[in-house]
Protein backbone atom coordinates (compact mmCIF):
# COMPACT_ATOMS: atom_id res chain seq x y z
CA MET A 1 -71.34 44.62 -6.13
CA LYS A 2 -68.92 46.69 -4.12
CA ILE A 3 -69.17 45.01 -0.74
CA CYS A 4 -70.05 41.54 0.47
CA ILE A 5 -70.78 40.69 4.08
CA ALA A 6 -69.83 37.09 4.80
CA ALA A 7 -70.85 35.30 7.99
CA TRP A 8 -68.58 32.26 8.16
CA PRO A 9 -68.29 29.80 11.00
CA GLY A 10 -65.54 31.26 13.14
CA ARG A 11 -62.58 29.05 12.32
CA GLU A 12 -59.35 30.34 10.83
CA HIS A 13 -59.31 27.73 8.06
CA ASN A 14 -62.75 28.93 6.87
CA ILE A 15 -61.68 32.55 6.83
CA LYS A 16 -58.17 32.91 5.48
CA ASP A 17 -58.55 31.45 2.00
CA VAL A 18 -62.26 31.66 1.21
CA THR A 19 -62.64 35.33 2.12
CA ARG A 20 -59.72 36.43 -0.04
CA PHE A 21 -60.82 34.21 -2.94
CA ILE A 22 -64.34 35.65 -2.97
CA ALA A 23 -62.98 39.21 -2.80
CA ARG A 24 -60.60 38.65 -5.69
CA GLU A 25 -63.05 36.81 -7.93
CA SER A 26 -65.92 39.24 -7.31
CA ARG A 27 -63.65 42.30 -7.38
CA SER A 28 -65.36 43.58 -4.24
CA PHE A 29 -64.59 44.17 -0.59
CA VAL A 30 -65.50 41.20 1.61
CA ILE A 31 -66.17 41.84 5.26
CA SER A 32 -66.07 38.55 7.09
CA VAL A 33 -67.77 38.48 10.48
CA SER A 34 -67.34 35.56 12.83
CA SER A 35 -67.62 34.70 16.48
CA LEU A 36 -65.62 33.36 19.38
CA MET A 37 -67.03 30.28 21.12
CA SER A 38 -65.58 28.03 23.79
CA LYS A 39 -66.95 25.12 25.81
CA ASN A 40 -67.90 27.59 28.54
CA ASP A 41 -70.33 29.39 26.21
CA PHE A 42 -72.87 26.55 26.18
CA PRO A 43 -75.89 27.30 28.38
CA LYS A 44 -75.85 25.09 31.47
CA ASN A 45 -79.34 23.80 30.65
CA THR A 46 -78.32 22.49 27.21
CA PRO A 47 -79.72 18.97 26.80
CA HIS A 48 -76.98 16.29 26.95
CA LEU A 49 -74.38 18.95 27.73
CA ASN A 50 -71.92 16.47 29.28
CA LYS A 51 -71.96 14.29 26.15
CA ILE A 52 -71.47 17.30 23.92
CA LEU A 53 -68.58 18.72 25.93
CA GLU A 54 -66.63 15.47 26.06
CA LYS A 55 -66.37 15.39 22.25
CA VAL A 56 -65.74 19.05 21.35
CA PRO A 57 -62.45 20.98 21.46
CA ASP A 58 -61.95 23.70 24.08
CA ILE A 59 -62.34 26.39 21.39
CA LEU A 60 -65.10 25.71 18.85
CA ALA A 61 -64.82 29.01 16.98
CA ASN A 62 -61.70 31.19 17.10
CA VAL A 63 -63.21 34.26 15.39
CA GLY A 64 -61.32 35.37 12.27
CA SER A 65 -63.26 38.54 11.45
CA CYS A 66 -61.44 40.44 8.71
CA ILE A 67 -61.72 42.57 5.58
CA ALA A 68 -60.32 41.59 2.19
CA GLY A 69 -59.92 44.09 -0.64
CA PRO A 70 -61.06 43.65 -4.24
CA ASN A 71 -57.54 42.53 -5.19
CA GLY A 72 -57.71 39.66 -2.67
CA GLU A 73 -55.23 41.24 -0.27
CA TRP A 74 -56.01 41.90 3.39
CA VAL A 75 -57.30 45.31 4.35
CA VAL A 76 -57.62 43.98 7.91
CA GLU A 77 -56.08 40.57 8.60
CA PRO A 78 -58.17 37.98 10.48
CA VAL A 79 -58.48 38.79 14.18
CA LEU A 80 -58.06 35.49 16.02
CA HIS A 81 -58.69 34.27 19.57
CA LYS A 82 -60.21 37.51 20.84
CA GLU A 83 -63.36 39.56 20.59
CA GLY A 84 -63.16 43.07 19.21
CA LEU A 85 -64.54 45.73 16.94
CA ILE A 86 -63.02 46.34 13.53
CA ILE A 87 -63.31 49.88 12.18
CA GLN A 88 -61.81 50.59 8.77
CA THR A 89 -62.35 53.22 6.09
CA ILE A 90 -62.44 51.64 2.65
CA ASP A 91 -62.15 53.29 -0.74
CA PHE A 92 -64.85 52.01 -3.08
CA ASN A 93 -62.86 53.30 -6.06
CA ARG A 94 -60.61 50.26 -5.51
CA VAL A 95 -63.49 48.14 -6.81
CA LEU A 96 -63.52 50.05 -10.09
CA GLU A 97 -59.74 49.83 -10.37
CA GLU A 98 -59.77 46.05 -9.87
CA CYS A 99 -62.60 45.60 -12.37
CA GLN A 100 -60.18 46.95 -14.97
CA ASN A 101 -57.90 43.98 -14.19
CA PHE A 102 -60.56 41.41 -15.06
CA ASP A 103 -59.79 40.36 -18.62
CA LEU A 104 -62.95 38.63 -19.78
CA VAL A 105 -61.71 37.92 -23.30
CA GLY A 106 -58.00 37.52 -22.58
CA ASP A 107 -56.63 35.06 -20.05
CA TYR A 108 -60.12 33.86 -19.13
CA SER A 109 -61.15 33.32 -22.72
CA ARG A 110 -61.16 29.59 -23.52
CA LEU A 111 -62.37 29.25 -27.09
CA ASP A 112 -61.51 25.57 -26.93
CA VAL A 113 -64.05 25.14 -24.11
CA ILE A 114 -66.57 27.97 -24.39
CA LYS A 115 -68.47 28.96 -27.51
CA LEU A 116 -71.42 31.29 -28.00
CA LYS A 117 -73.89 30.02 -30.57
CA VAL A 118 -76.83 32.20 -31.65
CA ASN A 119 -79.85 30.44 -33.11
CA ARG A 120 -81.62 32.99 -35.32
CA GLU A 121 -84.56 30.70 -36.09
CA ARG A 122 -87.98 31.67 -34.82
CA GLN A 123 -88.56 29.96 -31.48
CA SER A 124 -91.71 28.44 -30.07
CA THR A 125 -92.63 27.52 -26.51
CA VAL A 126 -94.35 24.38 -27.74
CA GLU A 127 -92.76 21.41 -29.47
CA PHE A 128 -94.78 18.39 -30.64
CA ASP A 129 -93.41 14.86 -30.95
CA ASP A 130 -95.44 12.75 -33.40
């Protein structure tokens, strides 16, 4: 995977850590798209609108659209509190470079926890209990 499109609820706390974590762990670009929503965005004919509006904050979603690179660093930092269009050229070779940094049998190798066991016996899809 070279690119992941993530549609998170538009709150800064959902965007800033999760987007970068997914990018770094998957070694891919993550484009996070979100929205801006305030109390004024509810349609006037929403059932029980007055009850809803008395309990919600003025800003329900503060956007946070952004792009994180395969190393987990920002390519475009989260855009907050405004609508806009993000245009960015990304280099997919960065994905290949970061894949070289993933050490499957080094730091991530936990022989005390993970073990591969190969059963060479002939297997059957049926097992009878007498």
